Amino acid sequence: DRELGIFVQNDGYLDKELKTIDDIPAEEMPINQHWSWDRILRS
């Protein structure tokens, strides 16, 4: 992505809701033990 000056993680990554880990409630960490894999992959 020339505008951001980064290499893109994968196709469609920049179309996701680009939150940060600060947006994850502490009680939901680690997310692999609290979220479904579908939710993780969509994030």
All heavy atoms as atom14 arrays in JSON, in Angstrom:
{
  "sequence": "DRELGIFVQNDGYLDKELKTIDDIPAEEMPINQHWSWDRILRS",
  "atom14_mask": [
    [1, 1, 1, 1, 1, 1, 1, 1, 0, 0, 0, 0, 0, 0],
    [1, 1, 1, 1, 1, 1, 1, 1, 1, 1, 1, 0, 0, 0],
    [1, 1, 1, 1, 1, 1, 1, 1, 1, 0, 0, 0, 0, 0],
    [1, 1, 1, 1, 1, 1, 1, 1, 0, 0, 0, 0, 0, 0],
    [1, 1, 1, 1, 0, 0, 0, 0, 0, 0, 0, 0, 0, 0],
    [1, 1, 1, 1, 1, 1, 1, 1, 0, 0, 0, 0, 0, 0],
    [1, 1, 1, 1, 1, 1, 1, 1, 1, 1, 1, 0, 0, 0],
    [1, 1, 1, 1, 1, 1, 1, 0, 0, 0, 0, 0, 0, 0],
    [1, 1, 1, 1, 1, 1, 1, 1, 1, 0, 0, 0, 0, 0],
    [1, 1, 1, 1, 1, 1, 1, 1, 0, 0, 0, 0, 0, 0],
    [1, 1, 1, 1, 1, 1, 1, 1, 0, 0, 0, 0, 0, 0],
    [1, 1, 1, 1, 0, 0, 0, 0, 0, 0, 0, 0, 0, 0],
    [1, 1, 1, 1, 1, 1, 1, 1, 1, 1, 1, 1, 0, 0],
    [1, 1, 1, 1, 1, 1, 1, 1, 0, 0, 0, 0, 0, 0],
    [1, 1, 1, 1, 1, 1, 1, 1, 0, 0, 0, 0, 0, 0],
    [1, 1, 1, 1, 1, 1, 1, 1, 1, 0, 0, 0, 0, 0],
    [1, 1, 1, 1, 1, 1, 1, 1, 1, 0, 0, 0, 0, 0],
    [1, 1, 1, 1, 1, 1, 1, 1, 0, 0, 0, 0, 0, 0],
    [1, 1, 1, 1, 1, 1, 1, 1, 1, 0, 0, 0, 0, 0],
    [1, 1, 1, 1, 1, 1, 1, 0, 0, 0, 0, 0, 0, 0],
    [1, 1, 1, 1, 1, 1, 1, 1, 0, 0, 0, 0, 0, 0],
    [1, 1, 1, 1, 1, 1, 1, 1, 0, 0, 0, 0, 0, 0],
    [1, 1, 1, 1, 1, 1, 1, 1, 0, 0, 0, 0, 0, 0],
    [1, 1, 1, 1, 1, 1, 1, 1, 0, 0, 0, 0, 0, 0],
    [1, 1, 1, 1, 1, 1, 1, 0, 0, 0, 0, 0, 0, 0],
    [1, 1, 1, 1, 1, 0, 0, 0, 0, 0, 0, 0, 0, 0],
    [1, 1, 1, 1, 1, 1, 1, 1, 1, 0, 0, 0, 0, 0],
    [1, 1, 1, 1, 1, 1, 1, 1, 1, 0, 0, 0, 0, 0],
    [1, 1, 1, 1, 1, 1, 1, 1, 0, 0, 0, 0, 0, 0],
    [1, 1, 1, 1, 1, 1, 1, 0, 0, 0, 0, 0, 0, 0],
    [1, 1, 1, 1, 1, 1, 1, 1, 0, 0, 0, 0, 0, 0],
    [1, 1, 1, 1, 1, 1, 1, 1, 0, 0, 0, 0, 0, 0],
    [1, 1, 1, 1, 1, 1, 1, 1, 1, 0, 0, 0, 0, 0],
    [1, 1, 1, 1, 1, 1, 1, 1, 1, 1, 0, 0, 0, 0],
    [1, 1, 1, 1, 1, 1, 1, 1, 1, 1, 1, 1, 1, 1],
    [1, 1, 1, 1, 1, 1, 0, 0, 0, 0, 0, 0, 0, 0],
    [1, 1, 1, 1, 1, 1, 1, 1, 1, 1, 1, 1, 1, 1],
    [1, 1, 1, 1, 1, 1, 1, 1, 0, 0, 0, 0, 0, 0],
    [1, 1, 1, 1, 1, 1, 1, 1, 1, 1, 1, 0, 0, 0],
    [1, 1, 1, 1, 1, 1, 1, 1, 0, 0, 0, 0, 0, 0],
    [1, 1, 1, 1, 1, 1, 1, 1, 0, 0, 0, 0, 0, 0],
    [1, 1, 1, 1, 1, 1, 1, 1, 1, 1, 1, 0, 0, 0],
    [1, 1, 1, 1, 1, 1, 0, 0, 0, 0, 0, 0, 0, 0]
  ],
  "atom14_positions": [
    [[0.87, -1.17, 0.0], [0.0, 0.0, 0.0], [0.91, 1.22, 0.0], [1.55, 1.54, 1.0], [-0.92, 0.01, 1.22], [-1.94, 1.14, 1.16], [-1.54, 2.3, 1.36], [-3.13, 0.86, 0.91], [0.0, 0.0, 0.0], [0.0, 0.0, 0.0], [0.0, 0.0, 0.0], [0.0, 0.0, 0.0], [0.0, 0.0, 0.0], [0.0, 0.0, 0.0]],
    [[1.0, 1.88, -1.15], [1.93, 2.99, -1.3], [1.58, 4.16, -0.39], [2.46, 4.86, 0.12], [1.92, 3.46, -2.77], [2.31, 2.39, -3.77], [3.78, 2.09, -3.71], [4.18, 1.11, -4.74], [5.42, 0.69, -4.93], [6.38, 1.16, -4.16], [5.69, -0.2, -5.87], [0.0, 0.0, 0.0], [0.0, 0.0, 0.0], [0.0, 0.0, 0.0]],
    [[0.28, 4.38, -0.18], [-0.14, 5.51, 0.64], [0.28, 5.33, 2.1], [0.79, 6.25, 2.74], [-1.66, 5.68, 0.56], [-2.17, 6.9, 1.31], [-3.67, 7.12, 1.11], [-4.24, 6.54, 0.17], [-4.25, 7.87, 1.92], [0.0, 0.0, 0.0], [0.0, 0.0, 0.0], [0.0, 0.0, 0.0], [0.0, 0.0, 0.0], [0.0, 0.0, 0.0]],
    [[0.09, 4.11, 2.62], [0.49, 3.82, 3.99], [1.97, 3.5, 4.1], [2.55, 3.56, 5.18], [-0.33, 2.65, 4.55], [-1.83, 2.89, 4.74], [-2.52, 1.59, 5.15], [-2.07, 3.97, 5.79], [0.0, 0.0, 0.0], [0.0, 0.0, 0.0], [0.0, 0.0, 0.0], [0.0, 0.0, 0.0], [0.0, 0.0, 0.0], [0.0, 0.0, 0.0]],
    [[2.58, 3.12, 2.97], [3.99, 2.76, 2.97], [4.26, 1.44, 3.65], [5.3, 1.26, 4.28], [0.0, 0.0, 0.0], [0.0, 0.0, 0.0], [0.0, 0.0, 0.0], [0.0, 0.0, 0.0], [0.0, 0.0, 0.0], [0.0, 0.0, 0.0], [0.0, 0.0, 0.0], [0.0, 0.0, 0.0], [0.0, 0.0, 0.0], [0.0, 0.0, 0.0]],
    [[3.32, 0.49, 3.5], [3.47, -0.8, 4.16], [3.3, -1.94, 3.16], [2.73, -1.77, 2.08], [2.44, -0.99, 5.29], [1.01, -0.99, 4.72], [2.61, 0.07, 6.36], [-0.05, -1.42, 5.72], [0.0, 0.0, 0.0], [0.0, 0.0, 0.0], [0.0, 0.0, 0.0], [0.0, 0.0, 0.0], [0.0, 0.0, 0.0], [0.0, 0.0, 0.0]],
    [[3.81, -3.11, 3.53], [3.5, -4.35, 2.82], [2.19, -4.88, 3.39], [2.0, -4.88, 4.61], [4.62, -5.37, 3.0], [5.93, -4.91, 2.46], [6.94, -4.49, 3.33], [6.17, -4.87, 1.1], [8.16, -4.04, 2.84], [7.39, -4.41, 0.59], [8.38, -4.0, 1.47], [0.0, 0.0, 0.0], [0.0, 0.0, 0.0], [0.0, 0.0, 0.0]],
    [[1.3, -5.33, 2.52], [-0.04, -5.73, 2.96], [-0.02, -7.18, 3.43], [0.48, -8.07, 2.74], [-1.06, -5.54, 1.83], [-2.46, -5.95, 2.3], [-1.07, -4.09, 1.36], [0.0, 0.0, 0.0], [0.0, 0.0, 0.0], [0.0, 0.0, 0.0], [0.0, 0.0, 0.0], [0.0, 0.0, 0.0], [0.0, 0.0, 0.0], [0.0, 0.0, 0.0]],
    [[-0.58, -7.4, 4.61], [-0.62, -8.72, 5.24], [-1.2, -9.78, 4.3], [-0.63, -10.85, 4.12], [-1.45, -8.62, 6.51], [-1.8, -9.92, 7.19], [-0.73, -10.38, 8.15], [0.27, -9.71, 8.36], [-0.93, -11.53, 8.75], [0.0, 0.0, 0.0], [0.0, 0.0, 0.0], [0.0, 0.0, 0.0], [0.0, 0.0, 0.0], [0.0, 0.0, 0.0]],
    [[-2.33, -9.48, 3.72], [-2.96, -10.38, 2.74], [-4.04, -9.6, 2.01], [-4.49, -8.55, 2.48], [-3.56, -11.63, 3.41], [-4.55, -11.28, 4.5], [-4.19, -11.16, 5.67], [-5.81, -11.09, 4.13], [0.0, 0.0, 0.0], [0.0, 0.0, 0.0], [0.0, 0.0, 0.0], [0.0, 0.0, 0.0], [0.0, 0.0, 0.0], [0.0, 0.0, 0.0]],
    [[-4.45, -10.11, 0.86], [-5.52, -9.44, 0.11], [-6.76, -9.29, 0.99], [-7.2, -10.24, 1.64], [-5.89, -10.26, -1.14], [-4.89, -10.06, -2.26], [-4.08, -9.12, -2.18], [-4.91, -10.85, -3.23], [0.0, 0.0, 0.0], [0.0, 0.0, 0.0], [0.0, 0.0, 0.0], [0.0, 0.0, 0.0], [0.0, 0.0, 0.0], [0.0, 0.0, 0.0]],
    [[-7.3, -8.09, 1.0], [-8.5, -7.83, 1.78], [-8.23, -7.38, 3.21], [-9.18, -6.98, 3.91], [0.0, 0.0, 0.0], [0.0, 0.0, 0.0], [0.0, 0.0, 0.0], [0.0, 0.0, 0.0], [0.0, 0.0, 0.0], [0.0, 0.0, 0.0], [0.0, 0.0, 0.0], [0.0, 0.0, 0.0], [0.0, 0.0, 0.0], [0.0, 0.0, 0.0]],
    [[-6.98, -7.43, 3.63], [-6.69, -7.06, 5.02], [-7.09, -5.62, 5.33], [-7.69, -5.33, 6.37], [-5.22, -7.27, 5.35], [-4.9, -6.94, 6.79], [-5.13, -7.88, 7.8], [-4.39, -5.7, 7.17], [-4.87, -7.58, 9.13], [-4.13, -5.39, 8.49], [-4.37, -6.34, 9.47], [-4.13, -6.03, 10.78], [0.0, 0.0, 0.0], [0.0, 0.0, 0.0]],
    [[-6.79, -4.71, 4.41], [-7.07, -3.3, 4.67], [-8.55, -2.98, 4.57], [-8.97, -1.86, 4.9], [-6.26, -2.43, 3.69], [-4.74, -2.51, 3.85], [-4.05, -1.61, 2.84], [-4.3, -2.16, 5.27], [0.0, 0.0, 0.0], [0.0, 0.0, 0.0], [0.0, 0.0, 0.0], [0.0, 0.0, 0.0], [0.0, 0.0, 0.0], [0.0, 0.0, 0.0]],
    [[-9.36, -3.94, 4.11], [-10.82, -3.75, 4.07], [-11.47, -4.11, 5.4], [-12.66, -3.85, 5.61], [-11.44, -4.6, 2.97], [-10.95, -4.19, 1.58], [-10.66, -2.99, 1.39], [-10.84, -5.07, 0.71], [0.0, 0.0, 0.0], [0.0, 0.0, 0.0], [0.0, 0.0, 0.0], [0.0, 0.0, 0.0], [0.0, 0.0, 0.0], [0.0, 0.0, 0.0]],
    [[-10.69, -4.72, 6.31], [-11.22, -5.06, 7.63], [-11.37, -3.81, 8.49], [-10.84, -2.74, 8.16], [-10.29, -6.06, 8.32], [-10.13, -7.41, 7.62], [-9.12, -8.27, 8.35], [-8.89, -9.6, 7.63], [-10.04, -10.51, 7.81], [0.0, 0.0, 0.0], [0.0, 0.0, 0.0], [0.0, 0.0, 0.0], [0.0, 0.0, 0.0], [0.0, 0.0, 0.0]],
    [[-12.11, -3.94, 9.59], [-12.2, -2.86, 10.55], [-10.88, -2.82, 11.32], [-10.58, -3.71, 12.11], [-13.36, -3.09, 11.51], [-13.62, -1.92, 12.43], [-14.85, -2.14, 13.3], [-15.39, -3.27, 13.31], [-15.25, -1.18, 14.0], [0.0, 0.0, 0.0], [0.0, 0.0, 0.0], [0.0, 0.0, 0.0], [0.0, 0.0, 0.0], [0.0, 0.0, 0.0]],
    [[-10.07, -1.8, 11.05], [-8.7, -1.76, 11.54], [-8.62, -1.22, 12.96], [-8.15, -0.11, 13.22], [-7.83, -0.94, 10.59], [-7.73, -1.51, 9.16], [-6.92, -0.58, 8.27], [-7.09, -2.89, 9.2], [0.0, 0.0, 0.0], [0.0, 0.0, 0.0], [0.0, 0.0, 0.0], [0.0, 0.0, 0.0], [0.0, 0.0, 0.0], [0.0, 0.0, 0.0]],
    [[-9.05, -2.06, 13.91], [-8.94, -1.72, 15.32], [-7.55, -2.09, 15.82], [-6.73, -2.63, 15.1], [-10.01, -2.48, 16.11], [-11.44, -2.08, 15.78], [-12.42, -2.84, 16.68], [-13.85, -2.41, 16.43], [-14.81, -3.12, 17.33], [0.0, 0.0, 0.0], [0.0, 0.0, 0.0], [0.0, 0.0, 0.0], [0.0, 0.0, 0.0], [0.0, 0.0, 0.0]],
    [[-7.29, -1.8, 17.1], [-6.03, -2.21, 17.72], [-6.34, -3.11, 18.91], [-7.51, -3.23, 19.33], [-5.2, -1.0, 18.19], [-5.86, -0.39, 19.3], [-5.03, 0.01, 17.07], [0.0, 0.0, 0.0], [0.0, 0.0, 0.0], [0.0, 0.0, 0.0], [0.0, 0.0, 0.0], [0.0, 0.0, 0.0], [0.0, 0.0, 0.0], [0.0, 0.0, 0.0]],
    [[-5.31, -3.71, 19.49], [-5.54, -4.62, 20.61], [-6.09, -3.88, 21.83], [-6.67, -4.51, 22.72], [-4.25, -5.39, 20.98], [-3.11, -4.42, 21.31], [-3.85, -6.34, 19.88], [-1.86, -5.11, 21.8], [0.0, 0.0, 0.0], [0.0, 0.0, 0.0], [0.0, 0.0, 0.0], [0.0, 0.0, 0.0], [0.0, 0.0, 0.0], [0.0, 0.0, 0.0]],
    [[-5.95, -2.56, 21.87], [-6.52, -1.78, 22.98], [-8.05, -1.82, 22.96], [-8.69, -1.5, 23.96], [-6.04, -0.32, 22.91], [-4.55, -0.19, 23.2], [-4.01, -1.07, 23.89], [-3.94, 0.78, 22.71], [0.0, 0.0, 0.0], [0.0, 0.0, 0.0], [0.0, 0.0, 0.0], [0.0, 0.0, 0.0], [0.0, 0.0, 0.0], [0.0, 0.0, 0.0]],
    [[-8.62, -2.2, 21.82], [-10.07, -2.28, 21.7], [-10.63, -3.62, 22.18], [-11.85, -3.82, 22.2], [-10.5, -2.06, 20.24], [-10.16, -0.66, 19.75], [-10.49, 0.31, 20.46], [-9.55, -0.53, 18.67], [0.0, 0.0, 0.0], [0.0, 0.0, 0.0], [0.0, 0.0, 0.0], [0.0, 0.0, 0.0], [0.0, 0.0, 0.0], [0.0, 0.0, 0.0]],
    [[-9.75, -4.56, 22.55], [-10.19, -5.88, 23.02], [-10.34, -5.84, 24.54], [-9.38, -5.51, 25.25], [-9.18, -6.97, 22.63], [-8.93, -6.97, 21.12], [-9.7, -8.34, 23.07], [-7.83, -7.94, 20.69], [0.0, 0.0, 0.0], [0.0, 0.0, 0.0], [0.0, 0.0, 0.0], [0.0, 0.0, 0.0], [0.0, 0.0, 0.0], [0.0, 0.0, 0.0]],
    [[-11.51, -6.16, 25.09], [-11.67, -6.19, 26.54], [-10.69, -7.18, 27.18], [-10.44, -8.25, 26.63], [-13.12, -6.66, 26.72], [-13.8, -6.29, 25.43], [-12.77, -6.46, 24.37], [0.0, 0.0, 0.0], [0.0, 0.0, 0.0], [0.0, 0.0, 0.0], [0.0, 0.0, 0.0], [0.0, 0.0, 0.0], [0.0, 0.0, 0.0], [0.0, 0.0, 0.0]],
    [[-10.13, -6.82, 28.31], [-9.12, -7.65, 28.96], [-9.64, -9.05, 29.26], [-8.89, -10.03, 29.17], [-8.66, -6.97, 30.26], [0.0, 0.0, 0.0], [0.0, 0.0, 0.0], [0.0, 0.0, 0.0], [0.0, 0.0, 0.0], [0.0, 0.0, 0.0], [0.0, 0.0, 0.0], [0.0, 0.0, 0.0], [0.0, 0.0, 0.0], [0.0, 0.0, 0.0]],
    [[-10.93, -9.16, 29.6], [-11.48, -10.46, 29.95], [-11.64, -11.37, 28.73], [-11.95, -12.56, 28.88], [-12.83, -10.3, 30.66], [-13.92, -9.65, 29.83], [-13.93, -8.12, 29.95], [-12.92, -7.56, 30.43], [-14.95, -7.52, 29.58], [0.0, 0.0, 0.0], [0.0, 0.0, 0.0], [0.0, 0.0, 0.0], [0.0, 0.0, 0.0], [0.0, 0.0, 0.0]],
    [[-11.43, -10.83, 27.52], [-11.54, -11.64, 26.3], [-10.18, -12.05, 25.74], [-10.08, -12.6, 24.65], [-12.34, -10.88, 25.24], [-13.78, -10.63, 25.65], [-14.58, -9.9, 24.58], [-14.11, -9.84, 23.42], [-15.68, -9.4, 24.9], [0.0, 0.0, 0.0], [0.0, 0.0, 0.0], [0.0, 0.0, 0.0], [0.0, 0.0, 0.0], [0.0, 0.0, 0.0]],
    [[-9.15, -11.79, 26.51], [-7.79, -12.2, 26.11], [-7.38, -13.45, 26.87], [-7.7, -13.58, 28.04], [-6.81, -11.06, 26.4], [-7.06, -9.8, 25.61], [-6.62, -9.95, 23.87], [-4.83, -9.78, 23.98], [0.0, 0.0, 0.0], [0.0, 0.0, 0.0], [0.0, 0.0, 0.0], [0.0, 0.0, 0.0], [0.0, 0.0, 0.0], [0.0, 0.0, 0.0]],
    [[-6.64, -14.39, 26.23], [-6.31, -14.42, 24.81], [-7.54, -14.74, 23.96], [-8.38, -15.56, 24.36], [-5.26, -15.52, 24.72], [-5.55, -16.42, 25.87], [-6.07, -15.54, 26.96], [0.0, 0.0, 0.0], [0.0, 0.0, 0.0], [0.0, 0.0, 0.0], [0.0, 0.0, 0.0], [0.0, 0.0, 0.0], [0.0, 0.0, 0.0], [0.0, 0.0, 0.0]],
    [[-7.62, -14.1, 22.81], [-8.85, -14.23, 22.01], [-9.04, -15.64, 21.46], [-10.17, -16.05, 21.18], [-8.89, -13.2, 20.87], [-7.72, -13.39, 19.89], [-8.91, -11.79, 21.41], [-7.8, -12.48, 18.66], [0.0, 0.0, 0.0], [0.0, 0.0, 0.0], [0.0, 0.0, 0.0], [0.0, 0.0, 0.0], [0.0, 0.0, 0.0], [0.0, 0.0, 0.0]],
    [[-7.95, -16.41, 21.3], [-8.12, -17.76, 20.76], [-8.82, -18.7, 21.75], [-9.2, -19.8, 21.39], [-6.78, -18.36, 20.3], [-5.8, -18.57, 21.44], [-6.19, -18.82, 22.58], [-4.52, -18.48, 21.15], [0.0, 0.0, 0.0], [0.0, 0.0, 0.0], [0.0, 0.0, 0.0], [0.0, 0.0, 0.0], [0.0, 0.0, 0.0], [0.0, 0.0, 0.0]],
    [[-9.0, -18.23, 23.0], [-9.72, -19.03, 23.99], [-11.1, -18.45, 24.31], [-11.83, -19.02, 25.13], [-8.88, -19.15, 25.26], [-7.57, -19.89, 25.05], [-6.69, -19.87, 26.27], [-7.16, -19.68, 27.4], [-5.38, -20.07, 26.06], [0.0, 0.0, 0.0], [0.0, 0.0, 0.0], [0.0, 0.0, 0.0], [0.0, 0.0, 0.0], [0.0, 0.0, 0.0]],
    [[-11.44, -17.33, 23.66], [-12.71, -16.69, 23.95], [-13.54, -16.4, 22.7], [-14.76, -16.23, 22.81], [-12.48, -15.37, 24.71], [-11.91, -15.55, 26.08], [-10.56, -15.63, 26.32], [-12.51, -15.69, 27.29], [-10.34, -15.79, 27.62], [-11.51, -15.83, 28.23], [0.0, 0.0, 0.0], [0.0, 0.0, 0.0], [0.0, 0.0, 0.0], [0.0, 0.0, 0.0]],
    [[-12.89, -16.3, 21.56], [-13.61, -16.01, 20.31], [-13.66, -17.26, 19.45], [-12.8, -18.13, 19.53], [-12.9, -14.91, 19.53], [-12.92, -13.55, 20.16], [-13.33, -13.22, 21.43], [-12.51, -12.34, 19.54], [-13.18, -11.88, 21.65], [-12.68, -11.3, 20.5], [-12.01, -12.01, 18.29], [-12.38, -9.98, 20.23], [-11.7, -10.68, 18.02], [-11.88, -9.67, 18.98]],
    [[-14.67, -17.31, 18.59], [-14.7, -18.36, 17.58], [-13.66, -18.05, 16.52], [-13.28, -16.89, 16.32], [-16.09, -18.43, 16.93], [-16.32, -17.27, 16.15], [0.0, 0.0, 0.0], [0.0, 0.0, 0.0], [0.0, 0.0, 0.0], [0.0, 0.0, 0.0], [0.0, 0.0, 0.0], [0.0, 0.0, 0.0], [0.0, 0.0, 0.0], [0.0, 0.0, 0.0]],
    [[-13.2, -19.1, 15.82], [-12.22, -18.87, 14.77], [-12.79, -18.03, 13.65], [-12.09, -17.26, 13.0], [-11.69, -20.2, 14.24], [-10.61, -20.75, 15.11], [-10.67, -21.82, 15.94], [-9.29, -20.2, 15.28], [-9.49, -21.99, 16.62], [-8.62, -21.01, 16.23], [-8.63, -19.1, 14.74], [-7.32, -20.76, 16.64], [-7.32, -18.85, 15.15], [-6.69, -19.67, 16.08]],
    [[-14.09, -18.14, 13.41], [-14.73, -17.31, 12.39], [-14.6, -15.83, 12.75], [-14.26, -15.0, 11.91], [-16.2, -17.7, 12.25], [-16.93, -16.81, 11.26], [-16.62, -16.9, 10.06], [-17.79, -16.01, 11.69], [0.0, 0.0, 0.0], [0.0, 0.0, 0.0], [0.0, 0.0, 0.0], [0.0, 0.0, 0.0], [0.0, 0.0, 0.0], [0.0, 0.0, 0.0]],
    [[-14.83, -15.52, 14.01], [-14.72, -14.13, 14.45], [-13.27, -13.66, 14.38], [-13.0, -12.52, 13.95], [-15.25, -13.99, 15.87], [-15.21, -12.56, 16.38], [-15.71, -12.48, 17.82], [-15.64, -11.1, 18.31], [-15.88, -10.74, 19.58], [-16.21, -11.67, 20.48], [-15.79, -9.47, 19.94], [0.0, 0.0, 0.0], [0.0, 0.0, 0.0], [0.0, 0.0, 0.0]],
    [[-12.35, -14.51, 14.78], [-10.93, -14.14, 14.73], [-10.5, -13.85, 13.3], [-9.82, -12.85, 13.02], [-10.06, -15.25, 15.35], [-10.31, -15.35, 16.86], [-8.57, -14.98, 15.08], [-9.62, -16.52, 17.53], [0.0, 0.0, 0.0], [0.0, 0.0, 0.0], [0.0, 0.0, 0.0], [0.0, 0.0, 0.0], [0.0, 0.0, 0.0], [0.0, 0.0, 0.0]],
    [[-10.87, -14.72, 12.37], [-10.44, -14.57, 10.97], [-11.09, -13.37, 10.3], [-10.53, -12.8, 9.36], [-10.75, -15.85, 10.2], [-9.95, -17.08, 10.63], [-10.42, -18.32, 9.88], [-8.46, -16.86, 10.4], [0.0, 0.0, 0.0], [0.0, 0.0, 0.0], [0.0, 0.0, 0.0], [0.0, 0.0, 0.0], [0.0, 0.0, 0.0], [0.0, 0.0, 0.0]],
    [[-12.27, -12.98, 10.77], [-12.92, -11.79, 10.21], [-12.33, -10.5, 10.78], [-12.52, -9.43, 10.2], [-14.42, -11.84, 10.47], [-15.17, -12.79, 9.54], [-16.69, -12.7, 9.71], [-17.15, -13.31, 10.95], [-17.59, -12.64, 12.01], [-17.6, -11.31, 11.99], [-17.99, -13.27, 13.1], [0.0, 0.0, 0.0], [0.0, 0.0, 0.0], [0.0, 0.0, 0.0]],
    [[-11.64, -10.61, 11.91], [-11.06, -9.42, 12.54], [-9.72, -9.07, 11.89], [-9.18, -9.82, 11.07], [-10.85, -9.68, 14.04], [-9.7, -10.49, 14.25], [0.0, 0.0, 0.0], [0.0, 0.0, 0.0], [0.0, 0.0, 0.0], [0.0, 0.0, 0.0], [0.0, 0.0, 0.0], [0.0, 0.0, 0.0], [0.0, 0.0, 0.0], [0.0, 0.0, 0.0]]
  ]
}
